Structures are given as structure tokens and as C-alpha cells.
Amino acid sequence: QVQLVESGGGLVQPGGSLRLSCVAPRSVFSIYAMGWYRQAPGKQRELVATFTRDDRTNYTDSVKGRFTISRDSAKLTVDLQMNNLKSEDTAVYYCYADPPIASVRGYWGQGTQVTVSS
């Protein structure tokens, strides 16, 4: 059973910062493209930031310049540093492991709540 374990969510005021972290098994971390998605109430899940299969980063427009995705091969973690948070960033954030080929399933974490409110 593959598990992606997220941590770091919470309540923060507008303009504040949070850092999310996702730990993956080595078998997944080494060959899957890792990333972060989010789902706000009443909305579809959307990509936030991800490493692509050719090892570049991709961000949704609304977080560019505020969020940074990074990874640590020694710790097997993928982090999302979120700065200058806005109320519209409120959502459940999910770690996702994108498989190397389409015929192989991807994996989702259980999600961590981020609430931006004064």
C-alpha cells in the first residue's frame, strides 16, 4: 500500500505563510513526478504546483511568485512553501504522485486543510 503523508496545514491570517510537506516512499519518489493540488469547497480539484516529468516546475497562475515547490531526495519529501497567502487559497491541499507512464496509477495523499482567514 503506497502512502503519501502530508503535513503542515493550518489556520493563517491573510499575508501569512505556511509550508506543506509530503513524504513519499522511495519507490514512488524516485520515478514519479510529484506535485500539489488543492480543492476548495464547491470547486473542482486543481493543480497548484508540480514537478514535470522532464524535471521542470509548473505553477498555476494564481500562485506564481507566492508559492514555491521544492524536493529533498534524501528525505523523500516534496514541500510547498506558501507566502502572502490570500483567502482564496483556502482549500484542502493534496500531494500527488504522477506516474511515469499512463498505464500506471497515480497516488494521492489524504489531504491537509489550509485556511486563510482573519
C-alpha atoms as a PDB file:
ATOM      1  CA  GLN A   1       0.000   0.000   0.000  1.00  0.00           C
ATOM      2  CA  VAL A   2       1.540   3.257  -1.167  1.00  0.00           C
ATOM      3  CA  GLN A   3       1.021   6.167   1.208  1.00  0.00           C
ATOM      4  CA  LEU A   4       1.756   9.815   0.687  1.00  0.00           C
ATOM      5  CA  VAL A   5       1.685  11.625   4.009  1.00  0.00           C
ATOM      6  CA  GLU A   6       1.098  15.377   4.114  1.00  0.00           C
ATOM      7  CA  SER A   7       1.672  17.767   6.975  1.00  0.00           C
ATOM      8  CA  GLY A   8       1.849  21.475   7.648  1.00  0.00           C
ATOM      9  CA  GLY A   9      -1.667  22.739   7.076  1.00  0.00           C
ATOM     10  CA  GLY A  10      -3.475  25.048   9.450  1.00  0.00           C
ATOM     11  CA  LEU A  11      -5.055  28.427  10.012  1.00  0.00           C
ATOM     12  CA  VAL A  12      -3.172  31.541   8.952  1.00  0.00           C
ATOM     13  CA  GLN A  13      -4.039  35.200   8.513  1.00  0.00           C
ATOM     14  CA  PRO A  14      -4.017  36.835   5.087  1.00  0.00           C
ATOM     15  CA  GLY A  15      -0.469  37.730   4.140  1.00  0.00           C
ATOM     16  CA  GLY A  16       0.948  34.938   6.251  1.00  0.00           C
ATOM     17  CA  SER A  17       2.952  31.880   5.283  1.00  0.00           C
ATOM     18  CA  LEU A  18       2.690  28.125   5.609  1.00  0.00           C
ATOM     19  CA  ARG A  19       4.888  25.268   4.489  1.00  0.00           C
ATOM     20  CA  LEU A  20       3.366  21.965   3.455  1.00  0.00           C
ATOM     21  CA  SER A  21       5.373  18.773   3.310  1.00  0.00           C
ATOM     22  CA  CYS A  22       4.697  15.410   1.675  1.00  0.00           C
ATOM     23  CA  VAL A  23       6.657  12.236   2.366  1.00  0.00           C
ATOM     24  CA  ALA A  24       6.605   9.509  -0.252  1.00  0.00           C
ATOM     25  CA  PRO A  25       8.051   6.004  -0.399  1.00  0.00           C
ATOM     26  CA  ARG A  26      11.377   5.818  -2.193  1.00  0.00           C
ATOM     27  CA  SER A  27       9.875   3.618  -4.906  1.00  0.00           C
ATOM     28  CA  VAL A  28       7.455   6.427  -5.779  1.00  0.00           C
ATOM     29  CA  PHE A  29       9.643   9.452  -5.120  1.00  0.00           C
ATOM     30  CA  SER A  30      12.393   8.251  -7.425  1.00  0.00           C
ATOM     31  CA  ILE A  31      10.308   7.771 -10.566  1.00  0.00           C
ATOM     32  CA  TYR A  32       7.041   9.661 -10.159  1.00  0.00           C
ATOM     33  CA  ALA A  33       6.594  13.374 -10.821  1.00  0.00           C
ATOM     34  CA  MET A  34       5.439  14.844  -7.522  1.00  0.00           C
ATOM     35  CA  GLY A  35       3.162  17.807  -7.064  1.00  0.00           C
ATOM     36  CA  TRP A  36       0.458  19.596  -5.110  1.00  0.00           C
ATOM     37  CA  TYR A  37      -3.214  20.064  -5.892  1.00  0.00           C
ATOM     38  CA  ARG A  38      -5.989  21.739  -3.956  1.00  0.00           C
ATOM     39  CA  GLN A  39      -9.745  21.620  -3.701  1.00  0.00           C
ATOM     40  CA  ALA A  40     -11.832  24.439  -2.319  1.00  0.00           C
ATOM     41  CA  PRO A  41     -15.426  23.901  -1.163  1.00  0.00           C
ATOM     42  CA  GLY A  42     -17.758  23.593  -4.138  1.00  0.00           C
ATOM     43  CA  LYS A  43     -14.902  23.649  -6.644  1.00  0.00           C
ATOM     44  CA  GLN A  44     -13.006  21.097  -8.659  1.00  0.00           C
ATOM     45  CA  ARG A  45      -9.575  19.919  -7.637  1.00  0.00           C
ATOM     46  CA  GLU A  46      -6.902  21.985  -9.356  1.00  0.00           C
ATOM     47  CA  LEU A  47      -3.179  21.823  -9.876  1.00  0.00           C
ATOM     48  CA  VAL A  48      -1.193  24.187  -7.662  1.00  0.00           C
ATOM     49  CA  ALA A  49       2.424  23.328  -8.351  1.00  0.00           C
ATOM     50  CA  THR A  50       4.212  20.305  -9.674  1.00  0.00           C
ATOM     51  CA  PHE A  51       7.458  18.927 -10.970  1.00  0.00           C
ATOM     52  CA  THR A  52       7.024  17.802 -14.540  1.00  0.00           C
ATOM     53  CA  ARG A  53       8.314  14.527 -15.975  1.00  0.00           C
ATOM     54  CA  ASP A  54      11.181  16.434 -17.607  1.00  0.00           C
ATOM     55  CA  ASP A  55      12.132  17.878 -14.225  1.00  0.00           C
ATOM     56  CA  ARG A  56      10.779  21.386 -14.585  1.00  0.00           C
ATOM     57  CA  THR A  57       8.301  23.138 -12.294  1.00  0.00           C
ATOM     58  CA  ASN A  58       4.816  24.192 -13.206  1.00  0.00           C
ATOM     59  CA  TYR A  59       2.574  26.554 -11.233  1.00  0.00           C
ATOM     60  CA  THR A  60      -0.986  27.679 -11.646  1.00  0.00           C
ATOM     61  CA  ASP A  61      -1.099  31.385 -12.473  1.00  0.00           C
ATOM     62  CA  SER A  62      -2.759  32.447  -9.239  1.00  0.00           C
ATOM     63  CA  VAL A  63       0.165  31.272  -7.080  1.00  0.00           C
ATOM     64  CA  LYS A  64       3.113  32.307  -9.243  1.00  0.00           C
ATOM     65  CA  GLY A  65       5.504  34.481  -7.281  1.00  0.00           C
ATOM     66  CA  ARG A  66       3.955  33.420  -3.960  1.00  0.00           C
ATOM     67  CA  PHE A  67       4.343  29.623  -3.805  1.00  0.00           C
ATOM     68  CA  THR A  68       7.483  27.559  -4.301  1.00  0.00           C
ATOM     69  CA  ILE A  69       7.678  23.800  -4.748  1.00  0.00           C
ATOM     70  CA  SER A  70      10.845  22.000  -3.730  1.00  0.00           C
ATOM     71  CA  ARG A  71      12.017  18.476  -3.066  1.00  0.00           C
ATOM     72  CA  ASP A  72      14.602  16.741  -0.934  1.00  0.00           C
ATOM     73  CA  SER A  73      15.872  13.444  -2.323  1.00  0.00           C
ATOM     74  CA  ALA A  74      17.473  12.466   0.979  1.00  0.00           C
ATOM     75  CA  LYS A  75      14.289  12.984   2.997  1.00  0.00           C
ATOM     76  CA  LEU A  76      11.955  11.829   0.177  1.00  0.00           C
ATOM     77  CA  THR A  77       9.861  14.950   0.665  1.00  0.00           C
ATOM     78  CA  VAL A  78       8.166  17.429  -1.601  1.00  0.00           C
ATOM     79  CA  ASP A  79       7.419  20.750   0.048  1.00  0.00           C
ATOM     80  CA  LEU A  80       5.201  23.659  -0.867  1.00  0.00           C
ATOM     81  CA  GLN A  81       6.221  26.997   0.606  1.00  0.00           C
ATOM     82  CA  MET A  82       3.246  29.338   0.529  1.00  0.00           C
ATOM     83  CA  ASN A  83       3.814  33.040   1.125  1.00  0.00           C
ATOM     84  CA  ASN A  84       1.495  36.033   1.044  1.00  0.00           C
ATOM     85  CA  LEU A  85      -1.494  33.776   1.489  1.00  0.00           C
ATOM     86  CA  LYS A  86      -4.905  35.005   0.429  1.00  0.00           C
ATOM     87  CA  SER A  87      -8.393  33.969   1.453  1.00  0.00           C
ATOM     88  CA  GLU A  88      -8.864  32.370  -1.964  1.00  0.00           C
ATOM     89  CA  ASP A  89      -6.023  29.965  -1.149  1.00  0.00           C
ATOM     90  CA  THR A  90      -8.267  28.304   1.434  1.00  0.00           C
ATOM     91  CA  ALA A  91      -8.661  24.667   0.410  1.00  0.00           C
ATOM     92  CA  VAL A  92      -7.682  21.110   1.162  1.00  0.00           C
ATOM     93  CA  TYR A  93      -4.229  20.575  -0.294  1.00  0.00           C
ATOM     94  CA  TYR A  94      -3.273  17.182  -1.696  1.00  0.00           C
ATOM     95  CA  CYS A  95       0.057  15.702  -2.569  1.00  0.00           C
ATOM     96  CA  TYR A  96       0.022  13.768  -5.836  1.00  0.00           C
ATOM     97  CA  ALA A  97       2.457  11.327  -7.418  1.00  0.00           C
ATOM     98  CA  ASP A  98       2.105  11.383 -11.205  1.00  0.00           C
ATOM     99  CA  PRO A  99       3.139   8.040 -12.711  1.00  0.00           C
ATOM    100  CA  PRO A 100       5.904   7.779 -15.335  1.00  0.00           C
ATOM    101  CA  ILE A 101       3.558   6.129 -17.833  1.00  0.00           C
ATOM    102  CA  ALA A 102      -0.168   6.498 -18.323  1.00  0.00           C
ATOM    103  CA  SER A 103      -0.981   2.848 -17.736  1.00  0.00           C
ATOM    104  CA  VAL A 104       0.264   3.013 -14.155  1.00  0.00           C
ATOM    105  CA  ARG A 105      -1.899   4.532 -11.445  1.00  0.00           C
ATOM    106  CA  GLY A 106      -1.023   7.713  -9.618  1.00  0.00           C
ATOM    107  CA  TYR A 107      -1.266   8.219  -5.873  1.00  0.00           C
ATOM    108  CA  TRP A 108      -2.934  10.845  -3.700  1.00  0.00           C
ATOM    109  CA  GLY A 109      -2.267  11.852  -0.155  1.00  0.00           C
ATOM    110  CA  GLN A 110      -5.054  12.191   2.379  1.00  0.00           C
ATOM    111  CA  GLY A 111      -5.101  15.980   2.179  1.00  0.00           C
ATOM    112  CA  THR A 112      -4.317  18.770   4.617  1.00  0.00           C
ATOM    113  CA  GLN A 113      -6.553  21.752   5.323  1.00  0.00           C
ATOM    114  CA  VAL A 114      -5.261  25.262   4.735  1.00  0.00           C
ATOM    115  CA  THR A 115      -7.488  28.064   5.963  1.00  0.00           C
ATOM    116  CA  VAL A 116      -6.609  31.705   5.336  1.00  0.00           C
ATOM    117  CA  SER A 117      -8.755  33.970   7.457  1.00  0.00           C
ATOM    118  CA  SER A 118      -8.502  36.948   9.763  1.00  0.00           C
END
